[in-house]
Amino acid sequence: MRMFDFLDKLRKKPAAERKMIALTISASITAIIFFVWISSFWIKPSAPESDSKPLLSSITPLSSIKDNVAGVYSNFVKLLGVGQKNR
């Protein structure tokens, strides 16, 4: 109930003061998100980047799409095959 009491007190305040409170709260939340985002730049990856380069160079977007479509197709054929065997 404390939150509702706070909101009732806030509704009784003048519009200018409510806008200032809203600005302060939104600026604080934005600043927290900004500092978390900035601090993520200092986090180092767990694997060295030199190990991941050969993997990235061997996978292309087209080959990835081709592999995914082939997997979906083979699963679909298996599903149809299971359905035909049960008849």
Foldseek 3Di string as FASTA:
>chain_A
DVVVVVVVVLVPDDPVVNVVVVVVVVVVVVVVVVVVVVVVVPDDDPDDPVVCVVVVVVDDPVVVVVVVVVVVVVVVVVVVVVVVVVD
